[in-house]
Amino acid sequence: MSEIGVQYHGNGNIHIIGEYDEFEKKQGVWRKYHWTGKLYSETLFLDDKEHGLEKFYDEDGDLVETRLWNNGELIDLIKND
């Protein structure tokens, strides 16, 4: 059985949202948001470790950085200028 985890900014907008498995480990896509409500990052988790692509966005919604993870180890980092 899984559970959705949610944290909020002081203004009531969602700050972080994602899924925990029955062992309380992060699984799947976790999203963080700027206080304005716009997407800040998307991170893939597997058994509580970053795994796969992680993307970061500025407040205009432009992709500014991408990270590639393998079982919690950072493999590559790409900055978008």
C-alpha atoms as a PDB file:
ATOM      1  CA  MET A   1       0.000   0.000   0.000  1.00  0.00           C
ATOM      2  CA  SER A   2       1.406   3.383  -0.977  1.00  0.00           C
ATOM      3  CA  GLU A   3       0.803   6.846   0.417  1.00  0.00           C
ATOM      4  CA  ILE A   4       1.053  10.301  -1.131  1.00  0.00           C
ATOM      5  CA  GLY A   5       3.340  12.720   0.702  1.00  0.00           C
ATOM      6  CA  VAL A   6       2.586  16.444   0.430  1.00  0.00           C
ATOM      7  CA  GLN A   7       4.231  19.510   1.953  1.00  0.00           C
ATOM      8  CA  TYR A   8       2.977  23.075   1.499  1.00  0.00           C
ATOM      9  CA  HIS A   9       4.504  26.535   1.276  1.00  0.00           C
ATOM     10  CA  GLY A  10       3.351  29.095   3.842  1.00  0.00           C
ATOM     11  CA  ASN A  11       1.005  30.570   1.222  1.00  0.00           C
ATOM     12  CA  GLY A  12      -0.847  27.253   0.845  1.00  0.00           C
ATOM     13  CA  ASN A  13       0.648  26.238  -2.503  1.00  0.00           C
ATOM     14  CA  ILE A  14       2.135  22.761  -2.788  1.00  0.00           C
ATOM     15  CA  HIS A  15       5.881  22.661  -2.127  1.00  0.00           C
ATOM     16  CA  ILE A  16       6.631  18.917  -2.549  1.00  0.00           C
ATOM     17  CA  ILE A  17       4.475  15.989  -3.637  1.00  0.00           C
ATOM     18  CA  GLY A  18       5.316  12.352  -4.249  1.00  0.00           C
ATOM     19  CA  GLU A  19       4.615   8.752  -3.313  1.00  0.00           C
ATOM     20  CA  TYR A  20       5.919   6.592  -0.477  1.00  0.00           C
ATOM     21  CA  ASP A  21       5.699   2.809  -0.638  1.00  0.00           C
ATOM     22  CA  GLU A  22       4.607   0.559   2.235  1.00  0.00           C
ATOM     23  CA  PHE A  23       8.145   0.742   3.660  1.00  0.00           C
ATOM     24  CA  GLU A  24       8.019   4.590   3.680  1.00  0.00           C
ATOM     25  CA  LYS A  25      10.552   4.837   0.833  1.00  0.00           C
ATOM     26  CA  LYS A  26      10.166   7.407  -1.934  1.00  0.00           C
ATOM     27  CA  GLN A  27       9.103   5.853  -5.232  1.00  0.00           C
ATOM     28  CA  GLY A  28       8.393   7.250  -8.680  1.00  0.00           C
ATOM     29  CA  VAL A  29       8.228  10.921  -9.606  1.00  0.00           C
ATOM     30  CA  TRP A  30       8.540  13.541  -6.871  1.00  0.00           C
ATOM     31  CA  ARG A  31       7.761  17.142  -7.776  1.00  0.00           C
ATOM     32  CA  LYS A  32       8.832  20.353  -6.046  1.00  0.00           C
ATOM     33  CA  TYR A  33       7.204  23.697  -6.767  1.00  0.00           C
ATOM     34  CA  HIS A  34       8.234  27.330  -6.490  1.00  0.00           C
ATOM     35  CA  TRP A  35       6.176  29.284  -3.943  1.00  0.00           C
ATOM     36  CA  THR A  36       4.285  30.709  -6.931  1.00  0.00           C
ATOM     37  CA  GLY A  37       2.964  27.231  -7.767  1.00  0.00           C
ATOM     38  CA  LYS A  38       5.148  26.728 -10.842  1.00  0.00           C
ATOM     39  CA  LEU A  39       7.170  23.543 -11.156  1.00  0.00           C
ATOM     40  CA  TYR A  40      10.700  23.735  -9.696  1.00  0.00           C
ATOM     41  CA  SER A  41      11.918  20.140 -10.122  1.00  0.00           C
ATOM     42  CA  GLU A  42      10.968  16.588 -11.014  1.00  0.00           C
ATOM     43  CA  THR A  43      13.005  13.762  -9.539  1.00  0.00           C
ATOM     44  CA  LEU A  44      12.633  10.019 -10.102  1.00  0.00           C
ATOM     45  CA  PHE A  45      13.123   7.812  -7.042  1.00  0.00           C
ATOM     46  CA  LEU A  46      13.620   4.080  -6.670  1.00  0.00           C
ATOM     47  CA  ASP A  47      13.675   2.731  -3.115  1.00  0.00           C
ATOM     48  CA  ASP A  48      14.343   6.190  -1.611  1.00  0.00           C
ATOM     49  CA  LYS A  49      17.277   6.947  -3.942  1.00  0.00           C
ATOM     50  CA  GLU A  50      17.424   9.230  -6.957  1.00  0.00           C
ATOM     51  CA  HIS A  51      17.348   7.064 -10.066  1.00  0.00           C
ATOM     52  CA  GLY A  52      16.993   8.342 -13.610  1.00  0.00           C
ATOM     53  CA  LEU A  53      16.495  11.930 -14.706  1.00  0.00           C
ATOM     54  CA  GLU A  54      16.062  14.888 -12.400  1.00  0.00           C
ATOM     55  CA  LYS A  55      15.003  18.178 -14.013  1.00  0.00           C
ATOM     56  CA  PHE A  56      15.104  21.717 -12.603  1.00  0.00           C
ATOM     57  CA  TYR A  57      13.104  24.685 -13.902  1.00  0.00           C
ATOM     58  CA  ASP A  58      13.241  28.417 -13.296  1.00  0.00           C
ATOM     59  CA  GLU A  59      10.152  30.442 -12.371  1.00  0.00           C
ATOM     60  CA  ASP A  60       9.425  31.035 -16.056  1.00  0.00           C
ATOM     61  CA  GLY A  61       9.164  27.285 -16.633  1.00  0.00           C
ATOM     62  CA  ASP A  62      12.422  27.020 -18.582  1.00  0.00           C
ATOM     63  CA  LEU A  63      14.573  23.923 -18.045  1.00  0.00           C
ATOM     64  CA  VAL A  64      17.822  25.089 -16.394  1.00  0.00           C
ATOM     65  CA  GLU A  65      19.491  21.860 -15.290  1.00  0.00           C
ATOM     66  CA  THR A  66      19.223  18.107 -15.774  1.00  0.00           C
ATOM     67  CA  ARG A  67      20.876  15.477 -13.604  1.00  0.00           C
ATOM     68  CA  LEU A  68      21.215  11.773 -14.321  1.00  0.00           C
ATOM     69  CA  TRP A  69      21.194   9.484 -11.285  1.00  0.00           C
ATOM     70  CA  ASN A  70      21.881   5.772 -10.885  1.00  0.00           C
ATOM     71  CA  ASN A  71      20.757   4.304  -7.578  1.00  0.00           C
ATOM     72  CA  GLY A  72      21.535   7.507  -5.644  1.00  0.00           C
ATOM     73  CA  GLU A  73      24.833   8.222  -7.438  1.00  0.00           C
ATOM     74  CA  LEU A  74      25.087  11.328  -9.611  1.00  0.00           C
ATOM     75  CA  ILE A  75      26.246  10.238 -13.094  1.00  0.00           C
ATOM     76  CA  ASP A  76      25.945  13.420 -15.136  1.00  0.00           C
ATOM     77  CA  LEU A  77      24.907  17.059 -14.831  1.00  0.00           C
ATOM     78  CA  ILE A  78      23.802  19.243 -17.737  1.00  0.00           C
ATOM     79  CA  LYS A  79      23.265  22.981 -17.290  1.00  0.00           C
ATOM     80  CA  ASN A  80      21.026  24.733 -19.799  1.00  0.00           C
ATOM     81  CA  ASP A  81      22.089  28.338 -20.293  1.00  0.00           C
END
